[in-house]
């Protein structure tokens, strides 16, 4: 099939482009080449440099396209209120313009890159009260080194549990809000355009060609940068935060599977899937695994520092993607994070 891929020059988009080509599909690549993501790099051969927010670019690019794989987005935590317009403009307006253009061009199949951040805080269970939805952790508790999430009913300790796709969306930051909005726009487009779409909720993605020391870098890349400077990786809180780290090669495989599924889907189909390794790790373990892949092997430094608004535990259930897309991750974090210590990165 002929696939239009936005964000095609990016960390994840580049891996998807390679996977699609290997699967025998034709790729029409588009990327704005934002400096904060790409620096001064030029677009790879065959990638069109266009802004997804400009409707006039789409008719020619969408000609003959069977499906769109929409990866383009401004990412990161969105630490300043001044960041809000960028997220709303690039991510939400850009998606709305693309969906409208797809409808005009008769292209009615979409795979959307979403994120686990749409869930906000993860899923927790209380031994006495069952599933509960705790509010954000109060800053005074974090300052006192009390990092766990208490039960909002009895104040007792909670256990984390796997988050599945039926969990309510509860975004807590600008980026998270923009990804939730993208999902809502896509679901609305499915209904109005009699189309079909899938949202892939990525968990913590890492791997070769990850950007180095930018707002787009993940914590694994930050740990690696510290080690390359001869410094111990600095771990926030007590390092016991639980996450799921998924290799970019697996993310690319998930996109190929989702595109092939959505092209075969009935009109009106809408679904979201976690894209995760299925093997939870703590943040301290991530730092330790990256460190063991280096010659120095410096032990991580647990700082007790925190970022207000960070969630404590978010761990995905990969079962729906396995059952409905036939996708399971192949790269275990224990292997992939060690190899990541010496994998080639982008400047």
C-alpha atoms as a PDB file:
ATOM      1  CA  UNK A   1       0.000   0.000   0.000  1.00  0.00           C
ATOM      2  CA  UNK A   2       0.966   3.663  -0.341  1.00  0.00           C
ATOM      3  CA  UNK A   3       1.340   5.280   3.104  1.00  0.00           C
ATOM      4  CA  UNK A   4       1.705   8.963   3.855  1.00  0.00           C
ATOM      5  CA  UNK A   5       3.938   9.221   6.941  1.00  0.00           C
ATOM      6  CA  UNK A   6       4.157  12.517   8.836  1.00  0.00           C
ATOM      7  CA  UNK A   7       7.150  13.094  11.094  1.00  0.00           C
ATOM      8  CA  UNK A   8       9.064  10.821   8.721  1.00  0.00           C
ATOM      9  CA  UNK A   9      12.479  12.261   9.568  1.00  0.00           C
ATOM     10  CA  UNK A  10      12.034  11.860  13.326  1.00  0.00           C
ATOM     11  CA  UNK A  11      13.287   9.257  15.757  1.00  0.00           C
ATOM     12  CA  UNK A  12      10.140   7.129  15.621  1.00  0.00           C
ATOM     13  CA  UNK A  13       9.067   8.186  12.129  1.00  0.00           C
ATOM     14  CA  UNK A  14      12.386   7.155  10.621  1.00  0.00           C
ATOM     15  CA  UNK A  15      12.104   3.690  12.159  1.00  0.00           C
ATOM     16  CA  UNK A  16       8.534   3.364  10.853  1.00  0.00           C
ATOM     17  CA  UNK A  17       9.636   4.424   7.356  1.00  0.00           C
ATOM     18  CA  UNK A  18      12.277   1.690   7.359  1.00  0.00           C
ATOM     19  CA  UNK A  19       9.820  -0.941   8.644  1.00  0.00           C
ATOM     20  CA  UNK A  20       7.185  -0.011   6.062  1.00  0.00           C
ATOM     21  CA  UNK A  21       9.722  -0.199   3.237  1.00  0.00           C
ATOM     22  CA  UNK A  22      10.930  -3.592   4.498  1.00  0.00           C
ATOM     23  CA  UNK A  23       7.315  -4.805   4.482  1.00  0.00           C
ATOM     24  CA  UNK A  24       6.986  -3.800   0.824  1.00  0.00           C
ATOM     25  CA  UNK A  25       4.918  -0.638   1.283  1.00  0.00           C
ATOM     26  CA  UNK A  26       5.512   2.679  -0.479  1.00  0.00           C
ATOM     27  CA  UNK A  27       6.170   5.637   1.843  1.00  0.00           C
ATOM     28  CA  UNK A  28       5.400   9.303   1.176  1.00  0.00           C
ATOM     29  CA  UNK A  29       7.376  11.080   3.886  1.00  0.00           C
ATOM     30  CA  UNK A  30       6.564  14.530   5.294  1.00  0.00           C
ATOM     31  CA  UNK A  31       8.379  16.439   8.048  1.00  0.00           C
ATOM     32  CA  UNK A  32       8.594  20.093   9.083  1.00  0.00           C
ATOM     33  CA  UNK A  33      12.188  19.604  10.355  1.00  0.00           C
ATOM     34  CA  UNK A  34      11.597  21.671  13.496  1.00  0.00           C
ATOM     35  CA  UNK A  35      14.967  22.911  14.826  1.00  0.00           C
ATOM     36  CA  UNK A  36      14.191  21.784  18.391  1.00  0.00           C
ATOM     37  CA  UNK A  37      13.879  18.229  17.088  1.00  0.00           C
ATOM     38  CA  UNK A  38      16.345  18.187  14.187  1.00  0.00           C
ATOM     39  CA  UNK A  39      18.794  21.021  14.835  1.00  0.00           C
ATOM     40  CA  UNK A  40      20.248  22.192  11.531  1.00  0.00           C
ATOM     41  CA  UNK A  41      19.906  18.795   9.828  1.00  0.00           C
ATOM     42  CA  UNK A  42      18.433  18.635   6.347  1.00  0.00           C
ATOM     43  CA  UNK A  43      15.533  16.383   5.480  1.00  0.00           C
ATOM     44  CA  UNK A  44      16.476  12.837   4.440  1.00  0.00           C
ATOM     45  CA  UNK A  45      16.205  12.044   0.724  1.00  0.00           C
ATOM     46  CA  UNK A  46      12.600  11.648  -0.367  1.00  0.00           C
ATOM     47  CA  UNK A  47      11.079  13.427   2.648  1.00  0.00           C
ATOM     48  CA  UNK A  48       8.955  16.460   1.757  1.00  0.00           C
ATOM     49  CA  UNK A  49       9.484  19.464   4.043  1.00  0.00           C
ATOM     50  CA  UNK A  50       5.997  20.748   4.808  1.00  0.00           C
ATOM     51  CA  UNK A  51       3.983  22.060   7.732  1.00  0.00           C
ATOM     52  CA  UNK A  52       0.997  19.817   8.518  1.00  0.00           C
ATOM     53  CA  UNK A  53      -1.001  22.935   9.452  1.00  0.00           C
ATOM     54  CA  UNK A  54      -0.971  24.218   5.844  1.00  0.00           C
ATOM     55  CA  UNK A  55      -3.977  22.826   3.970  1.00  0.00           C
ATOM     56  CA  UNK A  56      -2.616  23.723   0.538  1.00  0.00           C
ATOM     57  CA  UNK A  57       0.186  21.127   0.748  1.00  0.00           C
ATOM     58  CA  UNK A  58      -2.078  18.113   1.174  1.00  0.00           C
ATOM     59  CA  UNK A  59      -3.964  17.517  -2.107  1.00  0.00           C
ATOM     60  CA  UNK A  60      -0.844  16.596  -4.091  1.00  0.00           C
ATOM     61  CA  UNK A  61       0.729  14.592  -1.280  1.00  0.00           C
ATOM     62  CA  UNK A  62      -2.431  12.565  -0.591  1.00  0.00           C
ATOM     63  CA  UNK A  63      -2.953  11.550  -4.208  1.00  0.00           C
ATOM     64  CA  UNK A  64      -3.024   7.765  -4.483  1.00  0.00           C
ATOM     65  CA  UNK A  65      -2.509   7.279  -0.732  1.00  0.00           C
ATOM     66  CA  UNK A  66      -4.198   4.294   0.936  1.00  0.00           C
ATOM     67  CA  UNK A  67      -3.584   5.273   4.578  1.00  0.00           C
ATOM     68  CA  UNK A  68      -1.921   7.931   6.710  1.00  0.00           C
ATOM     69  CA  UNK A  69       0.449   7.250   9.597  1.00  0.00           C
ATOM     70  CA  UNK A  70       0.484  10.475  11.617  1.00  0.00           C
ATOM     71  CA  UNK A  71       3.587  10.775  13.816  1.00  0.00           C
ATOM     72  CA  UNK A  72       4.323  14.510  13.559  1.00  0.00           C
ATOM     73  CA  UNK A  73       4.022  16.282  16.911  1.00  0.00           C
ATOM     74  CA  UNK A  74       5.700  18.670  19.278  1.00  0.00           C
ATOM     75  CA  UNK A  75       6.612  16.465  22.238  1.00  0.00           C
ATOM     76  CA  UNK A  76       8.059  16.918  25.728  1.00  0.00           C
ATOM     77  CA  UNK A  77       6.705  17.832  29.109  1.00  0.00           C
ATOM     78  CA  UNK A  78       5.537  21.358  28.274  1.00  0.00           C
ATOM     79  CA  UNK A  79       7.127  22.935  31.316  1.00  0.00           C
ATOM     80  CA  UNK A  80       6.032  26.537  30.649  1.00  0.00           C
ATOM     81  CA  UNK A  81       2.565  27.986  30.254  1.00  0.00           C
ATOM     82  CA  UNK A  82       3.981  29.767  27.215  1.00  0.00           C
ATOM     83  CA  UNK A  83       4.356  26.342  25.559  1.00  0.00           C
ATOM     84  CA  UNK A  84       0.590  25.832  25.343  1.00  0.00           C
ATOM     85  CA  UNK A  85       0.065  27.529  21.954  1.00  0.00           C
ATOM     86  CA  UNK A  86       2.798  25.418  20.318  1.00  0.00           C
ATOM     87  CA  UNK A  87       1.216  22.159  21.453  1.00  0.00           C
ATOM     88  CA  UNK A  88      -2.268  23.276  20.450  1.00  0.00           C
ATOM     89  CA  UNK A  89      -1.095  24.585  17.084  1.00  0.00           C
ATOM     90  CA  UNK A  90       1.273  21.848  15.888  1.00  0.00           C
ATOM     91  CA  UNK A  91      -0.445  18.848  17.434  1.00  0.00           C
ATOM     92  CA  UNK A  92      -4.141  19.664  17.491  1.00  0.00           C
ATOM     93  CA  UNK A  93      -4.642  22.171  14.673  1.00  0.00           C
ATOM     94  CA  UNK A  94      -2.188  20.181  12.557  1.00  0.00           C
ATOM     95  CA  UNK A  95      -4.159  16.977  13.096  1.00  0.00           C
ATOM     96  CA  UNK A  96      -7.480  18.690  12.355  1.00  0.00           C
ATOM     97  CA  UNK A  97      -6.127  20.174   9.097  1.00  0.00           C
ATOM     98  CA  UNK A  98      -4.746  16.791   8.045  1.00  0.00           C
ATOM     99  CA  UNK A  99      -8.021  14.984   8.793  1.00  0.00           C
ATOM    100  CA  UNK A 100     -10.021  17.524   6.803  1.00  0.00           C
ATOM    101  CA  UNK A 101      -7.615  17.187   3.885  1.00  0.00           C
ATOM    102  CA  UNK A 102      -7.821  13.386   4.048  1.00  0.00           C
ATOM    103  CA  UNK A 103     -11.604  13.562   3.803  1.00  0.00           C
ATOM    104  CA  UNK A 104     -11.421  15.883   0.790  1.00  0.00           C
ATOM    105  CA  UNK A 105      -8.926  13.521  -0.880  1.00  0.00           C
ATOM    106  CA  UNK A 106     -10.973  10.407  -0.125  1.00  0.00           C
ATOM    107  CA  UNK A 107      -8.339   8.902   2.175  1.00  0.00           C
ATOM    108  CA  UNK A 108     -10.208   7.251   5.034  1.00  0.00           C
ATOM    109  CA  UNK A 109      -7.682   5.142   6.960  1.00  0.00           C
ATOM    110  CA  UNK A 110      -5.470   6.522   9.764  1.00  0.00           C
ATOM    111  CA  UNK A 111      -2.956   5.358  12.351  1.00  0.00           C
ATOM    112  CA  UNK A 112      -2.348   8.061  14.952  1.00  0.00           C
ATOM    113  CA  UNK A 113       0.649   8.259  17.276  1.00  0.00           C
ATOM    114  CA  UNK A 114      -0.700   8.803  20.777  1.00  0.00           C
ATOM    115  CA  UNK A 115       0.952   8.356  24.167  1.00  0.00           C
ATOM    116  CA  UNK A 116       0.499   6.805  27.579  1.00  0.00           C
ATOM    117  CA  UNK A 117       0.509  10.357  28.986  1.00  0.00           C
ATOM    118  CA  UNK A 118      -3.195  10.572  28.124  1.00  0.00           C
ATOM    119  CA  UNK A 119      -3.854   8.357  31.165  1.00  0.00           C
ATOM    120  CA  UNK A 120      -2.325  10.824  33.642  1.00  0.00           C
ATOM    121  CA  UNK A 121      -1.660   8.916  36.848  1.00  0.00           C
ATOM    122  CA  UNK A 122      -1.613   5.164  36.382  1.00  0.00           C
ATOM    123  CA  UNK A 123      -3.932   2.550  37.820  1.00  0.00           C
ATOM    124  CA  UNK A 124      -3.890   1.838  41.560  1.00  0.00           C
ATOM    125  CA  UNK A 125      -5.625  -0.594  43.872  1.00  0.00           C
ATOM    126  CA  UNK A 126      -6.243  -0.348  47.601  1.00  0.00           C
ATOM    127  CA  UNK A 127      -6.394  -3.613  49.621  1.00  0.00           C
ATOM    128  CA  UNK A 128      -9.568  -2.298  51.247  1.00  0.00           C
ATOM    129  CA  UNK A 129     -11.223  -0.130  48.593  1.00  0.00           C
ATOM    130  CA  UNK A 130     -10.206  -1.780  45.315  1.00  0.00           C
ATOM    131  CA  UNK A 131      -9.506   0.393  42.266  1.00  0.00           C
ATOM    132  CA  UNK A 132      -9.152   4.057  43.192  1.00  0.00           C
ATOM    133  CA  UNK A 133      -8.254   7.257  41.322  1.00  0.00           C
ATOM    134  CA  UNK A 134      -5.807   9.274  43.408  1.00  0.00           C
ATOM    135  CA  UNK A 135      -5.281  12.992  42.822  1.00  0.00           C
ATOM    136  CA  UNK A 136      -1.833  14.426  41.999  1.00  0.00           C
ATOM    137  CA  UNK A 137       0.659  13.983  44.803  1.00  0.00           C
ATOM    138  CA  UNK A 138       0.898  17.070  47.032  1.00  0.00           C
ATOM    139  CA  UNK A 139       4.174  18.990  46.854  1.00  0.00           C
ATOM    140  CA  UNK A 140       4.709  19.046  50.660  1.00  0.00           C
ATOM    141  CA  UNK A 141       4.653  15.235  50.694  1.00  0.00           C
ATOM    142  CA  UNK A 142       7.166  15.090  47.852  1.00  0.00           C
ATOM    143  CA  UNK A 143       9.406  17.580  49.653  1.00  0.00           C
ATOM    144  CA  UNK A 144       9.312  15.303  52.697  1.00  0.00           C
ATOM    145  CA  UNK A 145      10.428  12.323  50.574  1.00  0.00           C
ATOM    146  CA  UNK A 146       7.002  10.663  50.628  1.00  0.00           C
ATOM    147  CA  UNK A 147       6.737   9.639  46.984  1.00  0.00           C
ATOM    148  CA  UNK A 148       4.137   6.881  46.996  1.00  0.00           C
ATOM    149  CA  UNK A 149       0.503   7.554  46.175  1.00  0.00           C
ATOM    150  CA  UNK A 150      -1.902   7.194  49.143  1.00  0.00           C
ATOM    151  CA  UNK A 151      -5.437   5.876  48.905  1.00  0.00           C
ATOM    152  CA  UNK A 152      -7.780   8.882  48.554  1.00  0.00           C
ATOM    153  CA  UNK A 153     -10.306   7.118  50.810  1.00  0.00           C
ATOM    154  CA  UNK A 154      -8.300   5.722  53.714  1.00  0.00           C
ATOM    155  CA  UNK A 155      -4.835   7.193  53.170  1.00  0.00           C
ATOM    156  CA  UNK A 156      -3.296   3.715  53.150  1.00  0.00           C
ATOM    157  CA  UNK A 157      -0.681   2.419  50.698  1.00  0.00           C
ATOM    158  CA  UNK A 158      -1.676   1.560  47.132  1.00  0.00           C
ATOM    159  CA  UNK A 159      -0.392  -1.044  44.708  1.00  0.00           C
ATOM    160  CA  UNK A 160       0.072  -0.203  41.037  1.00  0.00           C
ATOM    161  CA  UNK A 161      -1.809  -2.257  38.459  1.00  0.00           C
ATOM    162  CA  UNK A 162      -1.733  -2.580  34.668  1.00  0.00           C
ATOM    163  CA  UNK A 163      -3.510   0.175  32.760  1.00  0.00           C
ATOM    164  CA  UNK A 164      -5.628  -1.029  29.869  1.00  0.00           C
ATOM    165  CA  UNK A 165      -7.170   1.012  27.098  1.00  0.00           C
ATOM    166  CA  UNK A 166     -10.524   1.332  28.869  1.00  0.00           C
ATOM    167  CA  UNK A 167      -8.956   3.646  31.465  1.00  0.00           C
ATOM    168  CA  UNK A 168     -10.361   7.191  31.405  1.00  0.00           C
ATOM    169  CA  UNK A 169      -8.228   9.880  29.778  1.00  0.00           C
ATOM    170  CA  UNK A 170      -6.889  12.275  32.399  1.00  0.00           C
ATOM    171  CA  UNK A 171      -4.037  14.322  30.849  1.00  0.00           C
ATOM    172  CA  UNK A 172      -2.020  16.459  33.259  1.00  0.00           C
ATOM    173  CA  UNK A 173       0.192  18.569  31.026  1.00  0.00           C
ATOM    174  CA  UNK A 174       0.196  20.497  27.753  1.00  0.00           C
ATOM    175  CA  UNK A 175       1.605  17.647  25.682  1.00  0.00           C
ATOM    176  CA  UNK A 176      -0.732  15.133  27.288  1.00  0.00           C
ATOM    177  CA  UNK A 177      -3.736  17.380  26.678  1.00  0.00           C
ATOM    178  CA  UNK A 178      -2.762  17.758  23.032  1.00  0.00           C
ATOM    179  CA  UNK A 179      -2.459  13.991  22.530  1.00  0.00           C
ATOM    180  CA  UNK A 180      -5.860  13.400  24.131  1.00  0.00           C
ATOM    181  CA  UNK A 181      -7.302  16.071  21.833  1.00  0.00           C
ATOM    182  CA  UNK A 182      -5.748  14.368  18.805  1.00  0.00           C
ATOM    183  CA  UNK A 183      -7.509  11.148  19.780  1.00  0.00           C
ATOM    184  CA  UNK A 184     -10.822  12.973  20.135  1.00  0.00           C
ATOM    185  CA  UNK A 185     -10.426  14.627  16.724  1.00  0.00           C
ATOM    186  CA  UNK A 186      -9.592  11.286  15.134  1.00  0.00           C
ATOM    187  CA  UNK A 187     -12.583   9.550  16.741  1.00  0.00           C
ATOM    188  CA  UNK A 188     -14.862  12.359  15.596  1.00  0.00           C
ATOM    189  CA  UNK A 189     -13.443  12.140  12.055  1.00  0.00           C
ATOM    190  CA  UNK A 190     -14.132   8.384  12.009  1.00  0.00           C
ATOM    191  CA  UNK A 191     -17.797   9.016  12.765  1.00  0.00           C
ATOM    192  CA  UNK A 192     -18.273  11.973  10.442  1.00  0.00           C
ATOM    193  CA  UNK A 193     -16.244  10.650   7.509  1.00  0.00           C
ATOM    194  CA  UNK A 194     -17.307   6.991   7.801  1.00  0.00           C
ATOM    195  CA  UNK A 195     -13.599   6.213   8.103  1.00  0.00           C
ATOM    196  CA  UNK A 196     -11.422   3.923  10.251  1.00  0.00           C
ATOM    197  CA  UNK A 197      -8.603   4.810  12.614  1.00  0.00           C
ATOM    198  CA  UNK A 198      -6.333   3.399  15.291  1.00  0.00           C
ATOM    199  CA  UNK A 199      -4.472   5.298  18.009  1.00  0.00           C
ATOM    200  CA  UNK A 200      -1.246   3.774  19.326  1.00  0.00           C
ATOM    201  CA  UNK A 201      -0.461   4.848  22.890  1.00  0.00           C
ATOM    202  CA  UNK A 202       3.315   4.629  23.084  1.00  0.00           C
ATOM    203  CA  UNK A 203       4.945   4.082  26.413  1.00  0.00           C
ATOM    204  CA  UNK A 204       8.562   5.172  26.982  1.00  0.00           C
ATOM    205  CA  UNK A 205      10.258   4.763  23.599  1.00  0.00           C
ATOM    206  CA  UNK A 206      14.041   4.428  23.274  1.00  0.00           C
ATOM    207  CA  UNK A 207      16.562   3.092  20.791  1.00  0.00           C
ATOM    208  CA  UNK A 208      18.990   4.016  18.008  1.00  0.00           C
ATOM    209  CA  UNK A 209      18.703   7.474  16.422  1.00  0.00           C
ATOM    210  CA  UNK A 210      17.081   8.886  19.535  1.00  0.00           C
ATOM    211  CA  UNK A 211      17.793  12.642  19.780  1.00  0.00           C
ATOM    212  CA  UNK A 212      20.499  13.612  22.227  1.00  0.00           C
ATOM    213  CA  UNK A 213      20.046  16.296  24.913  1.00  0.00           C
ATOM    214  CA  UNK A 214      16.948  17.969  23.500  1.00  0.00           C
ATOM    215  CA  UNK A 215      13.392  18.479  24.823  1.00  0.00           C
ATOM    216  CA  UNK A 216      12.609  15.385  22.727  1.00  0.00           C
ATOM    217  CA  UNK A 217      15.062  13.204  24.660  1.00  0.00           C
ATOM    218  CA  UNK A 218      13.710  10.617  27.059  1.00  0.00           C
ATOM    219  CA  UNK A 219      15.115   9.752  30.454  1.00  0.00           C
ATOM    220  CA  UNK A 220      17.147   6.851  29.027  1.00  0.00           C
ATOM    221  CA  UNK A 221      18.944   9.283  26.704  1.00  0.00           C
ATOM    222  CA  UNK A 222      19.608  11.628  29.632  1.00  0.00           C
ATOM    223  CA  UNK A 223      21.111   8.779  31.639  1.00  0.00           C
ATOM    224  CA  UNK A 224      23.325   7.888  28.710  1.00  0.00           C
ATOM    225  CA  UNK A 225      24.484  11.491  28.263  1.00  0.00           C
ATOM    226  CA  UNK A 226      25.501  11.646  31.932  1.00  0.00           C
ATOM    227  CA  UNK A 227      27.510   8.443  31.589  1.00  0.00           C
ATOM    228  CA  UNK A 228      29.255   9.759  28.472  1.00  0.00           C
ATOM    229  CA  UNK A 229      30.342  12.817  30.484  1.00  0.00           C
ATOM    230  CA  UNK A 230      31.784  10.497  33.123  1.00  0.00           C
ATOM    231  CA  UNK A 231      28.990  11.328  35.550  1.00  0.00           C
ATOM    232  CA  UNK A 232      26.658   8.985  37.392  1.00  0.00           C
ATOM    233  CA  UNK A 233      23.105   9.056  36.020  1.00  0.00           C
ATOM    234  CA  UNK A 234      20.894  11.090  38.333  1.00  0.00           C
ATOM    235  CA  UNK A 235      17.636   9.423  39.301  1.00  0.00           C
ATOM    236  CA  UNK A 236      14.746  11.480  40.671  1.00  0.00           C
ATOM    237  CA  UNK A 237      12.599  10.593  43.680  1.00  0.00           C
ATOM    238  CA  UNK A 238      13.695   7.245  45.141  1.00  0.00           C
ATOM    239  CA  UNK A 239      14.079   5.539  41.774  1.00  0.00           C
ATOM    240  CA  UNK A 240      11.191   3.161  42.456  1.00  0.00           C
ATOM    241  CA  UNK A 241       8.844   4.734  39.885  1.00  0.00           C
ATOM    242  CA  UNK A 242       7.601   1.958  37.587  1.00  0.00           C
ATOM    243  CA  UNK A 243       7.340   2.425  33.823  1.00  0.00           C
ATOM    244  CA  UNK A 244       7.333   0.415  30.614  1.00  0.00           C
ATOM    245  CA  UNK A 245      10.176   1.043  28.147  1.00  0.00           C
ATOM    246  CA  UNK A 246       9.548  -0.087  24.579  1.00  0.00           C
ATOM    247  CA  UNK A 247      12.190  -0.265  21.846  1.00  0.00           C
ATOM    248  CA  UNK A 248      11.690   1.884  18.754  1.00  0.00           C
ATOM    249  CA  UNK A 249      11.959  -1.186  16.515  1.00  0.00           C
ATOM    250  CA  UNK A 250       8.936  -2.641  18.289  1.00  0.00           C
ATOM    251  CA  UNK A 251       7.066   0.649  17.938  1.00  0.00           C
ATOM    252  CA  UNK A 252       7.740   0.541  14.200  1.00  0.00           C
ATOM    253  CA  UNK A 253       6.453  -3.056  14.034  1.00  0.00           C
ATOM    254  CA  UNK A 254       3.300  -1.997  15.883  1.00  0.00           C
ATOM    255  CA  UNK A 255       2.660   0.734  13.323  1.00  0.00           C
ATOM    256  CA  UNK A 256       3.030  -1.651  10.392  1.00  0.00           C
ATOM    257  CA  UNK A 257       0.602  -4.067  12.060  1.00  0.00           C
ATOM    258  CA  UNK A 258      -1.854  -1.250  12.826  1.00  0.00           C
ATOM    259  CA  UNK A 259      -1.751   0.107   9.268  1.00  0.00           C
ATOM    260  CA  UNK A 260      -2.398  -3.302   7.782  1.00  0.00           C
ATOM    261  CA  UNK A 261      -5.261  -3.852  10.242  1.00  0.00           C
ATOM    262  CA  UNK A 262      -6.901  -0.475   9.728  1.00  0.00           C
ATOM    263  CA  UNK A 263      -6.827  -0.780   5.940  1.00  0.00           C
ATOM    264  CA  UNK A 264      -8.777  -4.033   6.316  1.00  0.00           C
ATOM    265  CA  UNK A 265     -11.176  -2.622   8.945  1.00  0.00           C
ATOM    266  CA  UNK A 266     -14.826  -1.804   8.382  1.00  0.00           C
ATOM    267  CA  UNK A 267     -15.814   1.876   8.115  1.00  0.00           C
ATOM    268  CA  UNK A 268     -16.550   3.347  11.532  1.00  0.00           C
ATOM    269  CA  UNK A 269     -13.788   1.370  13.245  1.00  0.00           C
ATOM    270  CA  UNK A 270     -11.992   3.204  16.063  1.00  0.00           C
ATOM    271  CA  UNK A 271      -9.660   1.641  18.632  1.00  0.00           C
ATOM    272  CA  UNK A 272      -6.728   2.557  20.847  1.00  0.00           C
ATOM    273  CA  UNK A 273      -3.861   0.255  21.782  1.00  0.00           C
ATOM    274  CA  UNK A 274      -1.048   0.380  24.287  1.00  0.00           C
ATOM    275  CA  UNK A 275       2.348  -0.114  22.655  1.00  0.00           C
ATOM    276  CA  UNK A 276       4.580  -1.409  25.424  1.00  0.00           C
ATOM    277  CA  UNK A 277       7.181  -4.055  26.135  1.00  0.00           C
ATOM    278  CA  UNK A 278       5.018  -5.802  28.737  1.00  0.00           C
ATOM    279  CA  UNK A 279       8.022  -5.960  31.081  1.00  0.00           C
ATOM    280  CA  UNK A 280       7.823  -3.182  33.713  1.00  0.00           C
ATOM    281  CA  UNK A 281      11.026  -1.673  35.112  1.00  0.00           C
ATOM    282  CA  UNK A 282      11.799   0.946  37.730  1.00  0.00           C
ATOM    283  CA  UNK A 283      13.561   4.154  36.757  1.00  0.00           C
ATOM    284  CA  UNK A 284      16.533   3.116  38.879  1.00  0.00           C
ATOM    285  CA  UNK A 285      16.706  -0.163  36.959  1.00  0.00           C
ATOM    286  CA  UNK A 286      16.692   1.794  33.698  1.00  0.00           C
ATOM    287  CA  UNK A 287      19.694   3.807  34.877  1.00  0.00           C
ATOM    288  CA  UNK A 288      21.460   0.638  36.029  1.00  0.00           C
ATOM    289  CA  UNK A 289      20.823  -1.184  32.746  1.00  0.00           C
ATOM    290  CA  UNK A 290      22.103   1.720  30.637  1.00  0.00           C
ATOM    291  CA  UNK A 291      25.151   1.993  32.918  1.00  0.00           C
ATOM    292  CA  UNK A 292      25.999  -1.709  32.592  1.00  0.00           C
ATOM    293  CA  UNK A 293      26.214  -1.223  28.834  1.00  0.00           C
ATOM    294  CA  UNK A 294      29.119   1.195  29.265  1.00  0.00           C
ATOM    295  CA  UNK A 295      32.731   0.554  30.209  1.00  0.00           C
ATOM    296  CA  UNK A 296      32.578   2.768  33.294  1.00  0.00           C
ATOM    297  CA  UNK A 297      29.359   1.236  34.587  1.00  0.00           C
ATOM    298  CA  UNK A 298      28.782   4.047  37.090  1.00  0.00           C
ATOM    299  CA  UNK A 299      26.084   3.329  39.644  1.00  0.00           C
ATOM    300  CA  UNK A 300      23.150   5.743  39.500  1.00  0.00           C
ATOM    301  CA  UNK A 301      22.800   8.527  42.050  1.00  0.00           C
ATOM    302  CA  UNK A 302      19.338   8.608  43.617  1.00  0.00           C
ATOM    303  CA  UNK A 303      18.768  12.296  44.343  1.00  0.00           C
ATOM    304  CA  UNK A 304      15.355  12.548  45.991  1.00  0.00           C
ATOM    305  CA  UNK A 305      14.608  15.465  43.674  1.00  0.00           C
ATOM    306  CA  UNK A 306      11.227  15.566  41.964  1.00  0.00           C
ATOM    307  CA  UNK A 307       9.266  17.378  39.311  1.00  0.00           C
ATOM    308  CA  UNK A 308       5.815  18.568  40.395  1.00  0.00           C
ATOM    309  CA  UNK A 309       3.171  16.929  38.254  1.00  0.00           C
ATOM    310  CA  UNK A 310       5.150  13.771  37.525  1.00  0.00           C
ATOM    311  CA  UNK A 311       3.132  10.606  37.972  1.00  0.00           C
ATOM    312  CA  UNK A 312       4.388   7.837  40.229  1.00  0.00           C
ATOM    313  CA  UNK A 313       3.649   4.633  38.313  1.00  0.00           C
ATOM    314  CA  UNK A 314       2.255   4.068  34.806  1.00  0.00           C
ATOM    315  CA  UNK A 315       2.436   0.486  33.549  1.00  0.00           C
ATOM    316  CA  UNK A 316       0.592  -0.708  30.461  1.00  0.00           C
ATOM    317  CA  UNK A 317      -1.291  -3.845  29.621  1.00  0.00           C
ATOM    318  CA  UNK A 318      -0.166  -5.043  26.171  1.00  0.00           C
ATOM    319  CA  UNK A 319      -2.935  -7.613  25.829  1.00  0.00           C
ATOM    320  CA  UNK A 320      -5.353  -5.777  23.510  1.00  0.00           C
ATOM    321  CA  UNK A 321      -2.599  -5.093  20.964  1.00  0.00           C
ATOM    322  CA  UNK A 322      -1.589  -8.757  21.120  1.00  0.00           C
ATOM    323  CA  UNK A 323      -5.149 -10.019  20.691  1.00  0.00           C
ATOM    324  CA  UNK A 324      -6.356  -7.606  18.006  1.00  0.00           C
ATOM    325  CA  UNK A 325      -3.210  -6.532  16.126  1.00  0.00           C
ATOM    326  CA  UNK A 326      -1.080  -9.612  16.673  1.00  0.00           C
ATOM    327  CA  UNK A 327       1.617  -7.369  18.144  1.00  0.00           C
ATOM    328  CA  UNK A 328       3.930  -8.261  20.998  1.00  0.00           C
ATOM    329  CA  UNK A 329       7.215  -6.521  21.655  1.00  0.00           C
ATOM    330  CA  UNK A 330      10.304  -8.546  20.827  1.00  0.00           C
ATOM    331  CA  UNK A 331      13.008  -6.499  22.570  1.00  0.00           C
ATOM    332  CA  UNK A 332      13.190  -6.948  26.345  1.00  0.00           C
ATOM    333  CA  UNK A 333      14.223  -3.844  28.324  1.00  0.00           C
ATOM    334  CA  UNK A 334      17.021  -5.836  29.979  1.00  0.00           C
ATOM    335  CA  UNK A 335      18.572  -6.352  26.538  1.00  0.00           C
ATOM    336  CA  UNK A 336      17.544  -3.203  24.730  1.00  0.00           C
ATOM    337  CA  UNK A 337      18.565  -0.733  27.442  1.00  0.00           C
ATOM    338  CA  UNK A 338      22.053  -2.255  27.738  1.00  0.00           C
ATOM    339  CA  UNK A 339      22.489  -2.051  23.975  1.00  0.00           C
ATOM    340  CA  UNK A 340      21.163   1.515  24.007  1.00  0.00           C
ATOM    341  CA  UNK A 341      24.245   2.603  25.953  1.00  0.00           C
ATOM    342  CA  UNK A 342      26.314   2.411  22.763  1.00  0.00           C
ATOM    343  CA  UNK A 343      23.634   2.795  20.074  1.00  0.00           C
ATOM    344  CA  UNK A 344      24.100   5.671  17.590  1.00  0.00           C
ATOM    345  CA  UNK A 345      22.139   8.801  18.559  1.00  0.00           C
ATOM    346  CA  UNK A 346      21.204  11.967  16.690  1.00  0.00           C
ATOM    347  CA  UNK A 347      22.745  15.291  17.623  1.00  0.00           C
END
